[in-house]
Amino acid sequence: MSHATSSPDDAAWVTIDTPLGATELKAFLEDIERLFRINPLLEFESWRALAPDNYHLTAKNLANGQHIDTDLRIEPIPTGLCIHYSQGLKNTTTLRIIPVNEGTKLEILDDYSGTPEAQRKERLDEVDRSLLPWGQHLHAYLKRWKRWSWFGPWRWYTTRVWQNMKPSARRVSHWIIWISAAEFIVFLMVFSIFWLERQ
């Protein structure tokens, strides 16, 4: 994974490897709400569909402490899609699919250049610093999706339960699952020893 924090055009981007083919990845990107919810530093308050390819998002960005209240307009492009924001310092987020020998790469680019330079300098605290963690979590999510999406219970839990959790709740549930699994393994070991002694 590669990333940068600035460019001459005042943009930030991250590029991740994915195990999906171009067609699979394009279909995955069509679920805009899921894309945003994968971001571990975005705490949702509400998400509403306004019209086809138009949504309203209110959330808290835990990376910079900013409150987000904006409309989103989704513009399909030949290589992926572009998300336009009605409010905030960031103007667009472009997700571009890059075919490679095996799988694809996904570039996520946040563009701030539509805001006058003087305003950008005054509002540096509004720069979205969650881009890199978003890319990291999206990379991990896509690997799990490729491996487990065929399995109905996993898909149901991921899309109906995990996806709607707050980031803090996801971390807690992750530890609960691991602790429960460890306790079950210890139980099996103790039971096996007891059974062998009885034999």
N, C-alpha and C. Protein backbone atom coordinates (compact mmCIF):
# COMPACT_ATOMS: atom_id res chain seq x y z
N MET A 1 0.85 -1.19 0.00
CA MET A 1 0.00 0.00 0.00
C MET A 1 0.88 1.23 0.00
N SER A 2 0.50 2.21 -0.79
CA SER A 2 1.23 3.46 -0.82
C SER A 2 0.29 4.60 -0.52
N HIS A 3 0.86 5.69 -0.02
CA HIS A 3 0.02 6.84 0.28
C HIS A 3 0.83 8.11 0.19
N ALA A 4 0.13 9.23 0.08
CA ALA A 4 0.76 10.54 0.11
C ALA A 4 -0.19 11.50 0.79
N THR A 5 0.33 12.60 1.29
CA THR A 5 -0.50 13.54 2.03
C THR A 5 -0.75 14.84 1.27
N SER A 6 0.00 15.08 0.23
CA SER A 6 -0.24 16.32 -0.50
C SER A 6 0.30 16.19 -1.92
N SER A 7 -0.17 17.06 -2.77
CA SER A 7 0.31 17.12 -4.15
C SER A 7 0.20 18.56 -4.60
N PRO A 8 0.75 18.90 -5.78
CA PRO A 8 0.62 20.28 -6.26
C PRO A 8 -0.83 20.73 -6.37
N ASP A 9 -1.76 19.81 -6.60
CA ASP A 9 -3.16 20.17 -6.74
C ASP A 9 -3.92 20.11 -5.42
N ASP A 10 -3.19 19.96 -4.32
CA ASP A 10 -3.79 19.90 -2.99
C ASP A 10 -4.74 18.73 -2.86
N ALA A 11 -4.18 17.54 -2.94
CA ALA A 11 -4.95 16.30 -2.82
C ALA A 11 -4.20 15.34 -1.91
N ALA A 12 -4.92 14.35 -1.41
CA ALA A 12 -4.30 13.28 -0.63
C ALA A 12 -4.83 11.98 -1.19
N TRP A 13 -4.00 10.94 -1.19
CA TRP A 13 -4.46 9.69 -1.78
C TRP A 13 -3.79 8.49 -1.10
N VAL A 14 -4.43 7.36 -1.30
CA VAL A 14 -3.88 6.08 -0.84
C VAL A 14 -4.19 5.06 -1.92
N THR A 15 -3.26 4.15 -2.16
CA THR A 15 -3.45 3.09 -3.15
C THR A 15 -3.27 1.75 -2.46
N ILE A 16 -4.24 0.86 -2.63
CA ILE A 16 -4.20 -0.44 -1.97
C ILE A 16 -4.29 -1.57 -3.00
N ASP A 17 -3.69 -2.70 -2.67
CA ASP A 17 -3.86 -3.91 -3.46
C ASP A 17 -5.17 -4.57 -3.06
N THR A 18 -5.88 -5.16 -4.01
CA THR A 18 -7.10 -5.88 -3.70
C THR A 18 -7.05 -7.25 -4.38
N PRO A 19 -7.74 -8.25 -3.82
CA PRO A 19 -7.77 -9.58 -4.44
C PRO A 19 -8.89 -9.73 -5.46
N LEU A 20 -9.66 -8.67 -5.69
CA LEU A 20 -10.81 -8.76 -6.59
C LEU A 20 -10.44 -8.37 -8.02
N GLY A 21 -11.14 -8.96 -8.97
CA GLY A 21 -11.00 -8.53 -10.34
C GLY A 21 -11.69 -7.20 -10.56
N ALA A 22 -11.47 -6.58 -11.71
CA ALA A 22 -12.03 -5.25 -11.96
C ALA A 22 -13.55 -5.24 -11.89
N THR A 23 -14.19 -6.26 -12.45
CA THR A 23 -15.66 -6.31 -12.45
C THR A 23 -16.19 -6.50 -11.03
N GLU A 24 -15.54 -7.40 -10.25
CA GLU A 24 -15.95 -7.63 -8.85
C GLU A 24 -15.78 -6.36 -8.03
N LEU A 25 -14.65 -5.69 -8.21
CA LEU A 25 -14.38 -4.50 -7.41
C LEU A 25 -15.35 -3.38 -7.77
N LYS A 26 -15.66 -3.24 -9.03
CA LYS A 26 -16.61 -2.19 -9.43
C LYS A 26 -17.98 -2.44 -8.80
N ALA A 27 -18.41 -3.71 -8.77
CA ALA A 27 -19.68 -4.05 -8.13
C ALA A 27 -19.63 -3.77 -6.64
N PHE A 28 -18.48 -4.05 -6.00
CA PHE A 28 -18.31 -3.79 -4.57
C PHE A 28 -18.43 -2.30 -4.27
N LEU A 29 -17.87 -1.47 -5.12
CA LEU A 29 -17.87 -0.02 -4.89
C LEU A 29 -19.25 0.60 -5.01
N GLU A 30 -20.18 -0.12 -5.62
CA GLU A 30 -21.53 0.44 -5.80
C GLU A 30 -22.28 0.60 -4.49
N ASP A 31 -21.87 -0.12 -3.45
CA ASP A 31 -22.49 0.05 -2.14
C ASP A 31 -21.77 1.18 -1.40
N ILE A 32 -22.22 2.40 -1.62
CA ILE A 32 -21.52 3.58 -1.10
C ILE A 32 -21.56 3.62 0.43
N GLU A 33 -22.69 3.27 1.01
CA GLU A 33 -22.79 3.30 2.47
C GLU A 33 -21.77 2.36 3.09
N ARG A 34 -21.65 1.15 2.55
CA ARG A 34 -20.68 0.20 3.09
C ARG A 34 -19.26 0.76 2.99
N LEU A 35 -18.94 1.39 1.87
CA LEU A 35 -17.60 1.97 1.71
C LEU A 35 -17.28 2.93 2.85
N PHE A 36 -18.21 3.83 3.14
CA PHE A 36 -17.96 4.82 4.19
C PHE A 36 -17.94 4.16 5.57
N ARG A 37 -18.78 3.17 5.79
CA ARG A 37 -18.83 2.53 7.11
C ARG A 37 -17.58 1.71 7.41
N ILE A 38 -16.85 1.28 6.40
CA ILE A 38 -15.61 0.55 6.62
C ILE A 38 -14.55 1.46 7.24
N ASN A 39 -14.67 2.75 7.02
CA ASN A 39 -13.72 3.71 7.61
C ASN A 39 -13.79 3.62 9.14
N PRO A 40 -12.69 3.23 9.81
CA PRO A 40 -12.72 3.02 11.26
C PRO A 40 -12.76 4.30 12.07
N LEU A 41 -12.62 5.45 11.42
CA LEU A 41 -12.60 6.72 12.13
C LEU A 41 -13.80 7.60 11.77
N LEU A 42 -14.82 6.96 11.20
CA LEU A 42 -16.04 7.67 10.86
C LEU A 42 -17.19 7.09 11.68
N GLU A 43 -17.72 7.91 12.59
CA GLU A 43 -18.81 7.46 13.47
C GLU A 43 -20.13 8.00 12.93
N PHE A 44 -20.93 7.11 12.35
CA PHE A 44 -22.17 7.51 11.69
C PHE A 44 -23.21 8.01 12.69
N GLU A 45 -23.92 9.06 12.29
CA GLU A 45 -25.12 9.50 12.99
C GLU A 45 -26.36 9.18 12.14
N SER A 46 -26.28 9.46 10.84
CA SER A 46 -27.39 9.09 9.95
C SER A 46 -26.89 8.98 8.52
N TRP A 47 -27.64 8.18 7.76
CA TRP A 47 -27.37 8.00 6.33
C TRP A 47 -28.72 7.91 5.64
N ARG A 48 -28.96 8.78 4.65
CA ARG A 48 -30.25 8.78 3.96
C ARG A 48 -30.03 8.81 2.45
N ALA A 49 -30.82 8.01 1.75
CA ALA A 49 -30.84 8.09 0.29
C ALA A 49 -31.79 9.20 -0.10
N LEU A 50 -31.33 10.15 -0.91
CA LEU A 50 -32.15 11.29 -1.34
C LEU A 50 -32.76 11.04 -2.71
N ALA A 51 -31.99 10.37 -3.55
CA ALA A 51 -32.39 10.06 -4.93
C ALA A 51 -31.36 9.08 -5.46
N PRO A 52 -31.59 8.50 -6.63
CA PRO A 52 -30.55 7.63 -7.18
C PRO A 52 -29.20 8.34 -7.23
N ASP A 53 -28.18 7.71 -6.64
CA ASP A 53 -26.82 8.25 -6.62
C ASP A 53 -26.70 9.55 -5.83
N ASN A 54 -27.64 9.81 -4.92
CA ASN A 54 -27.56 10.98 -4.05
C ASN A 54 -27.92 10.57 -2.62
N TYR A 55 -27.08 10.99 -1.66
CA TYR A 55 -27.26 10.59 -0.27
C TYR A 55 -26.97 11.78 0.65
N HIS A 56 -27.41 11.64 1.90
CA HIS A 56 -27.06 12.62 2.92
C HIS A 56 -26.39 11.90 4.07
N LEU A 57 -25.24 12.41 4.48
CA LEU A 57 -24.44 11.80 5.55
C LEU A 57 -24.24 12.78 6.68
N THR A 58 -24.52 12.33 7.91
CA THR A 58 -24.09 13.07 9.10
C THR A 58 -23.27 12.10 9.93
N ALA A 59 -22.12 12.56 10.38
CA ALA A 59 -21.19 11.69 11.10
C ALA A 59 -20.16 12.54 11.82
N LYS A 60 -19.39 11.88 12.67
CA LYS A 60 -18.25 12.54 13.32
C LYS A 60 -16.98 11.88 12.81
N ASN A 61 -16.05 12.71 12.37
CA ASN A 61 -14.75 12.21 11.94
C ASN A 61 -13.83 12.18 13.16
N LEU A 62 -13.54 10.98 13.65
CA LEU A 62 -12.74 10.84 14.87
C LEU A 62 -11.28 11.22 14.63
N ALA A 63 -10.86 11.31 13.37
CA ALA A 63 -9.47 11.64 13.08
C ALA A 63 -9.16 13.12 13.30
N ASN A 64 -10.16 13.99 13.05
CA ASN A 64 -9.91 15.42 13.22
C ASN A 64 -10.95 16.10 14.12
N GLY A 65 -11.91 15.31 14.64
CA GLY A 65 -12.91 15.86 15.54
C GLY A 65 -13.99 16.67 14.85
N GLN A 66 -14.01 16.69 13.53
CA GLN A 66 -14.98 17.49 12.79
C GLN A 66 -16.32 16.78 12.65
N HIS A 67 -17.40 17.56 12.69
CA HIS A 67 -18.73 17.03 12.43
C HIS A 67 -19.03 17.17 10.95
N ILE A 68 -19.51 16.08 10.34
CA ILE A 68 -19.80 16.05 8.90
C ILE A 68 -21.30 16.11 8.71
N ASP A 69 -21.76 17.00 7.87
CA ASP A 69 -23.18 17.11 7.52
C ASP A 69 -23.24 17.55 6.07
N THR A 70 -23.33 16.58 5.18
CA THR A 70 -23.17 16.89 3.75
C THR A 70 -24.01 15.97 2.87
N ASP A 71 -24.38 16.48 1.71
CA ASP A 71 -24.96 15.65 0.67
C ASP A 71 -23.82 15.04 -0.14
N LEU A 72 -24.06 13.83 -0.65
CA LEU A 72 -23.10 13.16 -1.51
C LEU A 72 -23.74 12.91 -2.86
N ARG A 73 -23.03 13.23 -3.92
CA ARG A 73 -23.49 12.92 -5.27
C ARG A 73 -22.48 11.98 -5.91
N ILE A 74 -22.95 10.82 -6.36
CA ILE A 74 -22.07 9.80 -6.90
C ILE A 74 -22.05 9.91 -8.42
N GLU A 75 -20.87 10.08 -8.96
CA GLU A 75 -20.69 10.18 -10.41
C GLU A 75 -19.89 8.97 -10.91
N PRO A 76 -20.52 8.07 -11.66
CA PRO A 76 -19.76 6.95 -12.24
C PRO A 76 -18.74 7.49 -13.25
N ILE A 77 -17.54 6.93 -13.23
CA ILE A 77 -16.52 7.27 -14.21
C ILE A 77 -16.02 5.96 -14.81
N PRO A 78 -15.37 5.97 -15.96
CA PRO A 78 -14.96 4.72 -16.61
C PRO A 78 -14.10 3.82 -15.73
N THR A 79 -13.29 4.41 -14.85
CA THR A 79 -12.38 3.60 -14.02
C THR A 79 -12.88 3.39 -12.60
N GLY A 80 -14.11 3.82 -12.28
CA GLY A 80 -14.61 3.66 -10.92
C GLY A 80 -15.74 4.62 -10.63
N LEU A 81 -15.53 5.51 -9.64
CA LEU A 81 -16.58 6.49 -9.33
C LEU A 81 -15.97 7.69 -8.63
N CYS A 82 -16.71 8.78 -8.66
CA CYS A 82 -16.29 10.02 -8.00
C CYS A 82 -17.43 10.48 -7.08
N ILE A 83 -17.08 10.78 -5.83
CA ILE A 83 -18.05 11.22 -4.83
C ILE A 83 -17.88 12.73 -4.63
N HIS A 84 -18.96 13.48 -4.86
CA HIS A 84 -18.93 14.93 -4.70
C HIS A 84 -19.60 15.30 -3.38
N TYR A 85 -19.02 16.24 -2.63
CA TYR A 85 -19.54 16.69 -1.34
C TYR A 85 -20.14 18.09 -1.47
N SER A 86 -21.29 18.30 -0.85
CA SER A 86 -21.92 19.62 -0.92
C SER A 86 -21.37 20.57 0.14
N GLN A 87 -20.81 20.02 1.21
CA GLN A 87 -20.31 20.84 2.31
C GLN A 87 -18.92 20.33 2.73
N GLY A 88 -18.15 21.21 3.36
CA GLY A 88 -16.86 20.82 3.91
C GLY A 88 -15.70 21.25 3.02
N LEU A 89 -14.51 21.08 3.55
CA LEU A 89 -13.30 21.49 2.85
C LEU A 89 -13.00 20.57 1.67
N LYS A 90 -13.29 19.31 1.82
CA LYS A 90 -13.01 18.33 0.76
C LYS A 90 -14.07 18.44 -0.32
N ASN A 91 -13.64 18.46 -1.57
CA ASN A 91 -14.58 18.62 -2.69
C ASN A 91 -15.04 17.28 -3.26
N THR A 92 -14.10 16.37 -3.48
CA THR A 92 -14.45 15.08 -4.05
C THR A 92 -13.54 13.98 -3.48
N THR A 93 -14.06 12.76 -3.55
CA THR A 93 -13.25 11.56 -3.34
C THR A 93 -13.42 10.70 -4.58
N THR A 94 -12.32 10.38 -5.24
CA THR A 94 -12.36 9.55 -6.45
C THR A 94 -11.77 8.18 -6.12
N LEU A 95 -12.53 7.14 -6.46
CA LEU A 95 -12.07 5.77 -6.30
C LEU A 95 -11.80 5.21 -7.69
N ARG A 96 -10.55 4.92 -7.97
CA ARG A 96 -10.14 4.50 -9.32
C ARG A 96 -9.61 3.08 -9.28
N ILE A 97 -10.15 2.23 -10.14
CA ILE A 97 -9.73 0.83 -10.24
C ILE A 97 -8.59 0.74 -11.24
N ILE A 98 -7.50 0.12 -10.80
CA ILE A 98 -6.31 -0.03 -11.65
C ILE A 98 -6.04 -1.52 -11.85
N PRO A 99 -6.32 -2.08 -13.04
CA PRO A 99 -6.04 -3.50 -13.26
C PRO A 99 -4.54 -3.79 -13.20
N VAL A 100 -4.18 -4.90 -12.58
CA VAL A 100 -2.80 -5.37 -12.54
C VAL A 100 -2.81 -6.85 -12.93
N ASN A 101 -1.63 -7.48 -12.94
CA ASN A 101 -1.53 -8.87 -13.39
C ASN A 101 -2.46 -9.79 -12.63
N GLU A 102 -2.44 -9.70 -11.30
CA GLU A 102 -3.32 -10.51 -10.46
C GLU A 102 -4.13 -9.58 -9.58
N GLY A 103 -5.44 -9.61 -9.75
CA GLY A 103 -6.29 -8.73 -8.95
C GLY A 103 -6.29 -7.32 -9.51
N THR A 104 -6.43 -6.35 -8.59
CA THR A 104 -6.49 -4.94 -8.99
C THR A 104 -5.87 -4.10 -7.88
N LYS A 105 -5.61 -2.85 -8.20
CA LYS A 105 -5.29 -1.85 -7.20
C LYS A 105 -6.46 -0.88 -7.14
N LEU A 106 -6.66 -0.29 -5.97
CA LEU A 106 -7.70 0.72 -5.81
C LEU A 106 -7.04 1.98 -5.29
N GLU A 107 -7.19 3.06 -6.03
CA GLU A 107 -6.68 4.36 -5.60
C GLU A 107 -7.84 5.19 -5.06
N ILE A 108 -7.67 5.72 -3.87
CA ILE A 108 -8.66 6.62 -3.26
C ILE A 108 -8.02 7.99 -3.14
N LEU A 109 -8.58 8.96 -3.81
CA LEU A 109 -7.98 10.30 -3.86
C LEU A 109 -8.96 11.34 -3.36
N ASP A 110 -8.58 12.05 -2.30
CA ASP A 110 -9.36 13.17 -1.77
C ASP A 110 -8.84 14.47 -2.37
N ASP A 111 -9.72 15.22 -3.01
CA ASP A 111 -9.33 16.45 -3.68
C ASP A 111 -9.88 17.65 -2.93
N TYR A 112 -8.99 18.59 -2.60
CA TYR A 112 -9.37 19.82 -1.89
C TYR A 112 -9.21 21.05 -2.77
N SER A 113 -8.81 20.87 -4.02
CA SER A 113 -8.40 22.01 -4.84
C SER A 113 -9.55 22.91 -5.27
N GLY A 114 -10.80 22.46 -5.10
CA GLY A 114 -11.92 23.31 -5.47
C GLY A 114 -12.19 24.43 -4.48
N THR A 115 -11.54 24.37 -3.31
CA THR A 115 -11.68 25.42 -2.30
C THR A 115 -10.54 26.42 -2.48
N PRO A 116 -10.81 27.72 -2.45
CA PRO A 116 -9.74 28.71 -2.62
C PRO A 116 -8.57 28.48 -1.66
N GLU A 117 -7.38 28.72 -2.14
CA GLU A 117 -6.17 28.43 -1.37
C GLU A 117 -6.16 29.13 -0.01
N ALA A 118 -6.63 30.36 0.05
CA ALA A 118 -6.63 31.10 1.32
C ALA A 118 -7.51 30.38 2.34
N GLN A 119 -8.66 29.89 1.90
CA GLN A 119 -9.55 29.16 2.81
C GLN A 119 -8.92 27.84 3.24
N ARG A 120 -8.24 27.17 2.32
CA ARG A 120 -7.61 25.89 2.67
C ARG A 120 -6.58 26.09 3.79
N LYS A 121 -5.81 27.16 3.69
CA LYS A 121 -4.79 27.42 4.71
C LYS A 121 -5.42 27.73 6.06
N GLU A 122 -6.56 28.42 6.05
CA GLU A 122 -7.24 28.78 7.30
C GLU A 122 -7.96 27.58 7.93
N ARG A 123 -8.27 26.56 7.13
CA ARG A 123 -9.10 25.45 7.60
C ARG A 123 -8.35 24.11 7.57
N LEU A 124 -7.05 24.16 7.85
CA LEU A 124 -6.24 22.95 7.81
C LEU A 124 -6.73 21.89 8.81
N ASP A 125 -7.39 22.35 9.88
CA ASP A 125 -7.88 21.39 10.87
C ASP A 125 -9.01 20.53 10.32
N GLU A 126 -9.58 20.91 9.17
CA GLU A 126 -10.67 20.15 8.56
C GLU A 126 -10.17 19.08 7.58
N VAL A 127 -8.86 19.02 7.34
CA VAL A 127 -8.33 18.00 6.44
C VAL A 127 -8.64 16.62 7.03
N ASP A 128 -9.14 15.72 6.18
CA ASP A 128 -9.54 14.39 6.62
C ASP A 128 -8.32 13.49 6.79
N ARG A 129 -7.95 13.24 8.04
CA ARG A 129 -6.77 12.41 8.31
C ARG A 129 -7.11 10.92 8.46
N SER A 130 -8.35 10.59 8.12
CA SER A 130 -8.75 9.18 8.22
C SER A 130 -8.49 8.41 6.94
N LEU A 131 -7.93 9.05 5.92
CA LEU A 131 -7.77 8.40 4.62
C LEU A 131 -6.89 7.16 4.69
N LEU A 132 -5.73 7.27 5.34
CA LEU A 132 -4.83 6.11 5.43
C LEU A 132 -5.44 4.96 6.22
N PRO A 133 -5.99 5.20 7.43
CA PRO A 133 -6.67 4.09 8.13
C PRO A 133 -7.82 3.51 7.32
N TRP A 134 -8.55 4.34 6.60
CA TRP A 134 -9.63 3.85 5.73
C TRP A 134 -9.08 2.88 4.69
N GLY A 135 -7.98 3.29 4.05
CA GLY A 135 -7.36 2.42 3.06
C GLY A 135 -6.90 1.10 3.66
N GLN A 136 -6.30 1.16 4.84
CA GLN A 136 -5.83 -0.06 5.50
C GLN A 136 -6.98 -1.00 5.83
N HIS A 137 -8.07 -0.45 6.37
CA HIS A 137 -9.21 -1.29 6.74
C HIS A 137 -9.95 -1.79 5.49
N LEU A 138 -9.99 -1.00 4.45
CA LEU A 138 -10.61 -1.44 3.21
C LEU A 138 -9.82 -2.59 2.60
N HIS A 139 -8.50 -2.49 2.66
CA HIS A 139 -7.63 -3.56 2.16
C HIS A 139 -7.91 -4.86 2.91
N ALA A 140 -7.97 -4.79 4.25
CA ALA A 140 -8.24 -5.99 5.05
C ALA A 140 -9.65 -6.51 4.80
N TYR A 141 -10.62 -5.62 4.67
CA TYR A 141 -12.01 -6.03 4.44
C TYR A 141 -12.15 -6.76 3.12
N LEU A 142 -11.51 -6.26 2.07
CA LEU A 142 -11.60 -6.88 0.75
C LEU A 142 -10.98 -8.28 0.75
N LYS A 143 -9.90 -8.46 1.51
CA LYS A 143 -9.30 -9.80 1.62
C LYS A 143 -10.27 -10.75 2.30
N ARG A 144 -10.92 -10.29 3.38
CA ARG A 144 -11.90 -11.14 4.05
C ARG A 144 -13.11 -11.39 3.14
N TRP A 145 -13.52 -10.37 2.40
CA TRP A 145 -14.67 -10.52 1.51
C TRP A 145 -14.39 -11.57 0.44
N LYS A 146 -13.20 -11.53 -0.13
CA LYS A 146 -12.82 -12.50 -1.16
C LYS A 146 -12.84 -13.92 -0.59
N ARG A 147 -12.40 -14.05 0.65
CA ARG A 147 -12.27 -15.38 1.24
C ARG A 147 -13.58 -15.93 1.79
N TRP A 148 -14.43 -15.06 2.38
CA TRP A 148 -15.58 -15.54 3.14
C TRP A 148 -16.95 -15.12 2.62
N SER A 149 -17.05 -14.30 1.60
CA SER A 149 -18.36 -13.79 1.21
C SER A 149 -19.30 -14.89 0.71
N TRP A 150 -18.75 -16.03 0.33
CA TRP A 150 -19.60 -17.15 -0.10
C TRP A 150 -20.35 -17.78 1.07
N PHE A 151 -19.87 -17.54 2.30
CA PHE A 151 -20.40 -18.20 3.50
C PHE A 151 -21.52 -17.34 4.08
N GLY A 152 -22.76 -17.83 3.95
CA GLY A 152 -23.94 -17.05 4.31
C GLY A 152 -23.91 -16.42 5.70
N PRO A 153 -23.63 -17.19 6.79
CA PRO A 153 -23.62 -16.60 8.13
C PRO A 153 -22.60 -15.48 8.28
N TRP A 154 -21.42 -15.65 7.68
CA TRP A 154 -20.41 -14.59 7.76
C TRP A 154 -20.90 -13.36 7.03
N ARG A 155 -21.46 -13.55 5.84
CA ARG A 155 -21.93 -12.41 5.05
C ARG A 155 -23.05 -11.68 5.80
N TRP A 156 -23.97 -12.44 6.41
CA TRP A 156 -25.07 -11.82 7.16
C TRP A 156 -24.53 -11.01 8.33
N TYR A 157 -23.61 -11.58 9.10
CA TYR A 157 -23.05 -10.87 10.26
C TYR A 157 -22.33 -9.60 9.81
N THR A 158 -21.55 -9.70 8.75
CA THR A 158 -20.76 -8.56 8.30
C THR A 158 -21.63 -7.42 7.79
N THR A 159 -22.65 -7.76 6.99
CA THR A 159 -23.47 -6.71 6.37
C THR A 159 -24.60 -6.22 7.25
N ARG A 160 -25.13 -7.08 8.14
CA ARG A 160 -26.29 -6.69 8.94
C ARG A 160 -25.94 -6.29 10.37
N VAL A 161 -24.83 -6.78 10.90
CA VAL A 161 -24.47 -6.49 12.29
C VAL A 161 -23.21 -5.63 12.35
N TRP A 162 -22.08 -6.18 11.91
CA TRP A 162 -20.79 -5.48 12.02
C TRP A 162 -20.82 -4.12 11.34
N GLN A 163 -21.40 -4.07 10.14
CA GLN A 163 -21.40 -2.83 9.36
C GLN A 163 -22.11 -1.69 10.07
N ASN A 164 -23.12 -1.99 10.88
CA ASN A 164 -23.89 -0.95 11.56
C ASN A 164 -23.33 -0.57 12.93
N MET A 165 -22.28 -1.25 13.37
CA MET A 165 -21.69 -0.93 14.67
C MET A 165 -20.85 0.35 14.59
N LYS A 166 -20.73 1.02 15.73
CA LYS A 166 -19.77 2.11 15.83
C LYS A 166 -18.35 1.51 15.87
N PRO A 167 -17.34 2.27 15.46
CA PRO A 167 -15.96 1.74 15.48
C PRO A 167 -15.55 1.17 16.83
N SER A 168 -15.95 1.83 17.92
CA SER A 168 -15.58 1.33 19.26
C SER A 168 -16.24 0.00 19.54
N ALA A 169 -17.50 -0.17 19.12
CA ALA A 169 -18.21 -1.43 19.33
C ALA A 169 -17.58 -2.55 18.53
N ARG A 170 -17.07 -2.25 17.34
CA ARG A 170 -16.40 -3.27 16.53
C ARG A 170 -15.16 -3.78 17.23
N ARG A 171 -14.40 -2.86 17.83
CA ARG A 171 -13.18 -3.29 18.53
C ARG A 171 -13.52 -4.17 19.72
N VAL A 172 -14.57 -3.81 20.46
CA VAL A 172 -14.98 -4.61 21.61
C VAL A 172 -15.45 -5.99 21.16
N SER A 173 -16.28 -6.03 20.11
CA SER A 173 -16.80 -7.31 19.64
C SER A 173 -15.68 -8.20 19.11
N HIS A 174 -14.67 -7.58 18.51
CA HIS A 174 -13.52 -8.34 18.02
C HIS A 174 -12.83 -9.08 19.17
N TRP A 175 -12.61 -8.34 20.27
CA TRP A 175 -11.94 -8.97 21.42
C TRP A 175 -12.84 -10.02 22.08
N ILE A 176 -14.13 -9.77 22.14
CA ILE A 176 -15.05 -10.75 22.73
C ILE A 176 -15.01 -12.06 21.94
N ILE A 177 -15.01 -11.95 20.61
CA ILE A 177 -14.97 -13.15 19.76
C ILE A 177 -13.69 -13.94 20.00
N TRP A 178 -12.54 -13.24 20.06
CA TRP A 178 -11.27 -13.93 20.27
C TRP A 178 -11.19 -14.56 21.65
N ILE A 179 -11.66 -13.84 22.66
CA ILE A 179 -11.63 -14.38 24.02
C ILE A 179 -12.54 -15.60 24.12
N SER A 180 -13.72 -15.51 23.50
CA SER A 180 -14.66 -16.64 23.53
C SER A 180 -14.06 -17.85 22.82
N ALA A 181 -13.40 -17.61 21.70
CA ALA A 181 -12.77 -18.71 20.96
C ALA A 181 -11.67 -19.35 21.80
N ALA A 182 -10.87 -18.51 22.49
CA ALA A 182 -9.80 -19.05 23.33
C ALA A 182 -10.37 -19.86 24.49
N GLU A 183 -11.45 -19.36 25.10
CA GLU A 183 -12.07 -20.10 26.20
C GLU A 183 -12.62 -21.44 25.72
N PHE A 184 -13.18 -21.47 24.53
CA PHE A 184 -13.73 -22.72 23.99
C PHE A 184 -12.61 -23.73 23.73
N ILE A 185 -11.47 -23.26 23.21
CA ILE A 185 -10.32 -24.15 22.98
C ILE A 185 -9.81 -24.73 24.29
N VAL A 186 -9.71 -23.88 25.32
CA VAL A 186 -9.26 -24.36 26.64
C VAL A 186 -10.24 -25.40 27.17
N PHE A 187 -11.54 -25.14 27.02
CA PHE A 187 -12.56 -26.10 27.47
C PHE A 187 -12.38 -27.44 26.77
N LEU A 188 -12.16 -27.40 25.46
CA LEU A 188 -11.97 -28.65 24.71
C LEU A 188 -10.73 -29.40 25.19
N MET A 189 -9.67 -28.68 25.50
CA MET A 189 -8.44 -29.32 25.98
C MET A 189 -8.68 -29.99 27.33
N VAL A 190 -9.34 -29.27 28.24
CA VAL A 190 -9.62 -29.82 29.57
C VAL A 190 -10.55 -31.04 29.46
N PHE A 191 -11.56 -30.92 28.61
CA PHE A 191 -12.49 -32.04 28.42
C PHE A 191 -11.77 -33.25 27.84
N SER A 192 -10.85 -33.01 26.87
CA SER A 192 -10.11 -34.11 26.27
C SER A 192 -9.24 -34.82 27.28
N ILE A 193 -8.57 -34.04 28.14
CA ILE A 193 -7.72 -34.63 29.18
C ILE A 193 -8.57 -35.47 30.14
N PHE A 194 -9.71 -34.89 30.54
CA PHE A 194 -10.60 -35.61 31.45
C PHE A 194 -11.10 -36.91 30.82
N TRP A 195 -11.46 -36.84 29.54
CA TRP A 195 -11.99 -38.03 28.85
C TRP A 195 -10.93 -39.09 28.71
N LEU A 196 -9.68 -38.68 28.40
CA LEU A 196 -8.59 -39.63 28.25
C LEU A 196 -8.28 -40.32 29.59
N GLU A 197 -8.34 -39.55 30.67
CA GLU A 197 -8.09 -40.13 32.00
C GLU A 197 -9.18 -41.13 32.36
N ARG A 198 -10.40 -40.84 31.97
CA ARG A 198 -11.51 -41.77 32.26
C ARG A 198 -11.36 -43.07 31.50
N GLN A 199 -10.73 -42.95 30.31
CA GLN A 199 -10.53 -44.17 29.50
C GLN A 199 -9.42 -45.04 30.08
